[in-house]
Amino acid sequence: MNIVGTIDSILREKGTQTWTIPPEATVYEAIQLMAEKNIGALLVMQGEELAGIITERDYTRKVALKGKSSRQTPVRELISNPVITVERGETVEECMRLMTEHRVRHLPVMEGSRVVGVVSIGDLVNWTISAQHLAISQMEDYISGKYPG
């Protein structure tokens, strides 16, 4: 199935709220913010510039498993960089391909050098399921004669 739709359509539905943290913050502060907001990743911002991304996966692999202290380790030591980003006009299908290829679960959405949102694998899956349900519903209506031929 070819998935037609853009990241802009997802952002219009879910909103453009992003949660950020500076690189000098501690990993503990990052994990605390992720827990508070019930999210799995934070954009690491140096002023208005995207410096990287920190995820729960980064924490477990780069702090917990290595015996580091989350209260003493700065975020800048863990950030994933370079960050795989997308533009608003990118297709859902291409974003799913990027996430699979790069083994990431979050994509910052950019407009030039400015961050305008974030999409997660969950956002893409939910959009795909909704699009499939809509297509099925339309086909059922056509088959049942609801639409003229």
C-alpha atoms as a PDB file:
ATOM      1  CA  MET A   1       0.000   0.000   0.000  1.00  0.00           C
ATOM      2  CA  ASN A   2       1.287   3.420  -0.909  1.00  0.00           C
ATOM      3  CA  ILE A   3       0.867   5.811   2.012  1.00  0.00           C
ATOM      4  CA  VAL A   4      -0.183   9.217   0.753  1.00  0.00           C
ATOM      5  CA  GLY A   5       0.099  12.105   3.151  1.00  0.00           C
ATOM      6  CA  THR A   6       2.598  14.600   4.434  1.00  0.00           C
ATOM      7  CA  ILE A   7       4.117  15.401   7.776  1.00  0.00           C
ATOM      8  CA  ASP A   8       2.354  18.755   7.607  1.00  0.00           C
ATOM      9  CA  SER A   9      -0.999  16.952   7.779  1.00  0.00           C
ATOM     10  CA  ILE A  10       0.134  15.142  10.939  1.00  0.00           C
ATOM     11  CA  LEU A  11       1.370  18.369  12.540  1.00  0.00           C
ATOM     12  CA  ARG A  12      -1.919  20.127  11.741  1.00  0.00           C
ATOM     13  CA  GLU A  13      -3.728  17.377  13.646  1.00  0.00           C
ATOM     14  CA  LYS A  14      -1.361  16.799  16.593  1.00  0.00           C
ATOM     15  CA  GLY A  15       0.065  20.292  16.917  1.00  0.00           C
ATOM     16  CA  THR A  16       3.583  21.638  16.848  1.00  0.00           C
ATOM     17  CA  GLN A  17       4.430  21.575  20.561  1.00  0.00           C
ATOM     18  CA  THR A  18       8.045  20.578  21.142  1.00  0.00           C
ATOM     19  CA  TRP A  19       9.868  19.919  24.380  1.00  0.00           C
ATOM     20  CA  THR A  20      13.483  20.988  24.571  1.00  0.00           C
ATOM     21  CA  ILE A  21      16.449  20.986  26.891  1.00  0.00           C
ATOM     22  CA  PRO A  22      19.812  22.756  26.692  1.00  0.00           C
ATOM     23  CA  PRO A  23      23.000  20.685  26.221  1.00  0.00           C
ATOM     24  CA  GLU A  24      24.363  21.745  29.614  1.00  0.00           C
ATOM     25  CA  ALA A  25      21.352  20.321  31.507  1.00  0.00           C
ATOM     26  CA  THR A  26      21.861  17.025  33.312  1.00  0.00           C
ATOM     27  CA  VAL A  27      20.573  13.740  31.998  1.00  0.00           C
ATOM     28  CA  TYR A  28      18.520  13.504  35.200  1.00  0.00           C
ATOM     29  CA  GLU A  29      16.735  16.746  34.285  1.00  0.00           C
ATOM     30  CA  ALA A  30      16.094  15.393  30.788  1.00  0.00           C
ATOM     31  CA  ILE A  31      14.639  12.108  32.063  1.00  0.00           C
ATOM     32  CA  GLN A  32      12.569  13.997  34.623  1.00  0.00           C
ATOM     33  CA  LEU A  33      11.101  16.245  31.879  1.00  0.00           C
ATOM     34  CA  MET A  34      10.397  13.262  29.615  1.00  0.00           C
ATOM     35  CA  ALA A  35       8.554  11.512  32.467  1.00  0.00           C
ATOM     36  CA  GLU A  36       6.597  14.672  33.336  1.00  0.00           C
ATOM     37  CA  LYS A  37       5.502  15.198  29.723  1.00  0.00           C
ATOM     38  CA  ASN A  38       5.087  11.467  28.997  1.00  0.00           C
ATOM     39  CA  ILE A  39       7.366  11.617  25.967  1.00  0.00           C
ATOM     40  CA  GLY A  40      10.305   9.527  24.780  1.00  0.00           C
ATOM     41  CA  ALA A  41      12.633  12.202  23.423  1.00  0.00           C
ATOM     42  CA  LEU A  42      13.693  15.808  23.853  1.00  0.00           C
ATOM     43  CA  LEU A  43      15.203  18.155  21.335  1.00  0.00           C
ATOM     44  CA  VAL A  44      18.512  19.502  22.552  1.00  0.00           C
ATOM     45  CA  MET A  45      18.598  23.174  21.645  1.00  0.00           C
ATOM     46  CA  GLN A  46      21.518  25.593  21.782  1.00  0.00           C
ATOM     47  CA  GLY A  47      19.514  28.800  21.665  1.00  0.00           C
ATOM     48  CA  GLU A  48      17.391  28.541  18.501  1.00  0.00           C
ATOM     49  CA  GLU A  49      19.679  25.916  16.917  1.00  0.00           C
ATOM     50  CA  LEU A  50      18.989  22.180  16.990  1.00  0.00           C
ATOM     51  CA  ALA A  51      22.086  20.643  18.597  1.00  0.00           C
ATOM     52  CA  GLY A  52      20.791  17.080  18.829  1.00  0.00           C
ATOM     53  CA  ILE A  53      18.191  14.834  20.360  1.00  0.00           C
ATOM     54  CA  ILE A  54      18.193  12.780  23.562  1.00  0.00           C
ATOM     55  CA  THR A  55      15.947   9.758  23.978  1.00  0.00           C
ATOM     56  CA  GLU A  56      15.053   7.238  26.649  1.00  0.00           C
ATOM     57  CA  ARG A  57      17.089   4.768  24.619  1.00  0.00           C
ATOM     58  CA  ASP A  58      20.144   7.046  24.883  1.00  0.00           C
ATOM     59  CA  TYR A  59      19.702   7.098  28.646  1.00  0.00           C
ATOM     60  CA  THR A  60      19.481   3.332  29.037  1.00  0.00           C
ATOM     61  CA  ARG A  61      22.381   2.586  26.696  1.00  0.00           C
ATOM     62  CA  LYS A  62      24.744   5.463  27.470  1.00  0.00           C
ATOM     63  CA  VAL A  63      24.125   6.099  31.176  1.00  0.00           C
ATOM     64  CA  ALA A  64      22.385   3.239  32.962  1.00  0.00           C
ATOM     65  CA  LEU A  65      24.295   0.415  31.283  1.00  0.00           C
ATOM     66  CA  LYS A  66      27.645   2.222  31.567  1.00  0.00           C
ATOM     67  CA  GLY A  67      27.257   3.028  35.249  1.00  0.00           C
ATOM     68  CA  LYS A  68      27.293   6.799  34.784  1.00  0.00           C
ATOM     69  CA  SER A  69      25.421   9.143  37.091  1.00  0.00           C
ATOM     70  CA  SER A  70      22.404  10.790  35.472  1.00  0.00           C
ATOM     71  CA  ARG A  71      22.630  13.630  38.018  1.00  0.00           C
ATOM     72  CA  GLN A  72      26.196  14.466  36.968  1.00  0.00           C
ATOM     73  CA  THR A  73      26.256  13.644  33.253  1.00  0.00           C
ATOM     74  CA  PRO A  74      25.409  16.551  30.961  1.00  0.00           C
ATOM     75  CA  VAL A  75      22.991  15.961  28.101  1.00  0.00           C
ATOM     76  CA  ARG A  76      25.636  17.025  25.560  1.00  0.00           C
ATOM     77  CA  GLU A  77      27.532  13.778  26.279  1.00  0.00           C
ATOM     78  CA  LEU A  78      24.599  11.660  25.099  1.00  0.00           C
ATOM     79  CA  ILE A  79      22.951  13.498  22.261  1.00  0.00           C
ATOM     80  CA  SER A  80      22.404  11.767  18.982  1.00  0.00           C
ATOM     81  CA  ASN A  81      24.029  13.892  16.333  1.00  0.00           C
ATOM     82  CA  PRO A  82      23.734  14.499  13.468  1.00  0.00           C
ATOM     83  CA  VAL A  83      19.978  14.437  13.860  1.00  0.00           C
ATOM     84  CA  ILE A  84      17.873  12.942  11.092  1.00  0.00           C
ATOM     85  CA  THR A  85      15.313  15.649  10.279  1.00  0.00           C
ATOM     86  CA  VAL A  86      12.488  16.133   7.800  1.00  0.00           C
ATOM     87  CA  GLU A  87      10.635  19.035   6.227  1.00  0.00           C
ATOM     88  CA  ARG A  88       6.874  19.621   6.536  1.00  0.00           C
ATOM     89  CA  GLY A  89       6.238  18.466   2.957  1.00  0.00           C
ATOM     90  CA  GLU A  90       7.924  15.069   3.415  1.00  0.00           C
ATOM     91  CA  THR A  91       5.648  12.078   2.914  1.00  0.00           C
ATOM     92  CA  VAL A  92       4.617   9.772   5.720  1.00  0.00           C
ATOM     93  CA  GLU A  93       6.011   6.871   3.698  1.00  0.00           C
ATOM     94  CA  GLU A  94       9.448   8.510   3.345  1.00  0.00           C
ATOM     95  CA  CYS A  95       9.538   9.279   7.077  1.00  0.00           C
ATOM     96  CA  MET A  96       8.760   5.662   7.910  1.00  0.00           C
ATOM     97  CA  ARG A  97      11.588   4.606   5.583  1.00  0.00           C
ATOM     98  CA  LEU A  98      13.997   7.055   7.254  1.00  0.00           C
ATOM     99  CA  MET A  99      13.040   5.862  10.738  1.00  0.00           C
ATOM    100  CA  THR A 100      13.526   2.236   9.751  1.00  0.00           C
ATOM    101  CA  GLU A 101      16.806   2.854   7.934  1.00  0.00           C
ATOM    102  CA  HIS A 102      18.330   4.951  10.729  1.00  0.00           C
ATOM    103  CA  ARG A 103      16.667   3.062  13.591  1.00  0.00           C
ATOM    104  CA  VAL A 104      15.182   6.203  15.148  1.00  0.00           C
ATOM    105  CA  ARG A 105      11.758   6.781  16.643  1.00  0.00           C
ATOM    106  CA  HIS A 106      11.555  10.585  16.495  1.00  0.00           C
ATOM    107  CA  LEU A 107      12.082  13.051  13.657  1.00  0.00           C
ATOM    108  CA  PRO A 108      12.364  16.792  14.238  1.00  0.00           C
ATOM    109  CA  VAL A 109      10.445  18.682  11.564  1.00  0.00           C
ATOM    110  CA  MET A 110      12.302  21.646  10.131  1.00  0.00           C
ATOM    111  CA  GLU A 111      11.412  24.731   8.148  1.00  0.00           C
ATOM    112  CA  GLY A 112      14.811  25.837   6.948  1.00  0.00           C
ATOM    113  CA  SER A 113      16.942  25.922  10.099  1.00  0.00           C
ATOM    114  CA  ARG A 114      13.943  26.369  12.429  1.00  0.00           C
ATOM    115  CA  VAL A 115      12.320  23.492  14.322  1.00  0.00           C
ATOM    116  CA  VAL A 116       8.557  23.484  13.753  1.00  0.00           C
ATOM    117  CA  GLY A 117       7.572  20.174  15.355  1.00  0.00           C
ATOM    118  CA  VAL A 118       8.438  16.560  16.029  1.00  0.00           C
ATOM    119  CA  VAL A 119       6.854  13.370  14.744  1.00  0.00           C
ATOM    120  CA  SER A 120       7.241   9.986  16.373  1.00  0.00           C
ATOM    121  CA  ILE A 121       6.839   6.502  14.980  1.00  0.00           C
ATOM    122  CA  GLY A 122       3.579   6.373  16.948  1.00  0.00           C
ATOM    123  CA  ASP A 123       2.308   9.466  15.121  1.00  0.00           C
ATOM    124  CA  LEU A 124       3.093   7.850  11.760  1.00  0.00           C
ATOM    125  CA  VAL A 125       1.480   4.543  12.701  1.00  0.00           C
ATOM    126  CA  ASN A 126      -1.663   6.292  14.003  1.00  0.00           C
ATOM    127  CA  TRP A 127      -1.904   8.360  10.820  1.00  0.00           C
ATOM    128  CA  THR A 128      -1.469   5.251   8.653  1.00  0.00           C
ATOM    129  CA  ILE A 129      -4.161   3.344  10.555  1.00  0.00           C
ATOM    130  CA  SER A 130      -6.567   6.296  10.258  1.00  0.00           C
ATOM    131  CA  ALA A 131      -5.862   6.613   6.530  1.00  0.00           C
ATOM    132  CA  GLN A 132      -6.484   2.886   6.019  1.00  0.00           C
ATOM    133  CA  HIS A 133      -9.768   3.031   7.960  1.00  0.00           C
ATOM    134  CA  LEU A 134     -10.916   5.979   5.873  1.00  0.00           C
ATOM    135  CA  ALA A 135     -10.020   4.201   2.610  1.00  0.00           C
ATOM    136  CA  ILE A 136     -11.850   1.039   3.695  1.00  0.00           C
ATOM    137  CA  SER A 137     -14.905   3.033   4.745  1.00  0.00           C
ATOM    138  CA  GLN A 138     -14.994   4.817   1.399  1.00  0.00           C
ATOM    139  CA  MET A 139     -14.679   1.524  -0.494  1.00  0.00           C
ATOM    140  CA  GLU A 140     -17.490  -0.026   1.581  1.00  0.00           C
ATOM    141  CA  ASP A 141     -19.702   2.979   0.857  1.00  0.00           C
ATOM    142  CA  TYR A 142     -18.945   2.719  -2.870  1.00  0.00           C
ATOM    143  CA  ILE A 143     -19.611  -1.023  -2.972  1.00  0.00           C
ATOM    144  CA  SER A 144     -22.858  -0.656  -1.021  1.00  0.00           C
ATOM    145  CA  GLY A 145     -24.101   1.911  -3.538  1.00  0.00           C
ATOM    146  CA  LYS A 146     -23.839   4.932  -1.299  1.00  0.00           C
ATOM    147  CA  TYR A 147     -21.894   6.727  -4.068  1.00  0.00           C
ATOM    148  CA  PRO A 148     -23.108   6.877  -7.675  1.00  0.00           C
ATOM    149  CA  GLY A 149     -20.924   4.988 -10.169  1.00  0.00           C
END
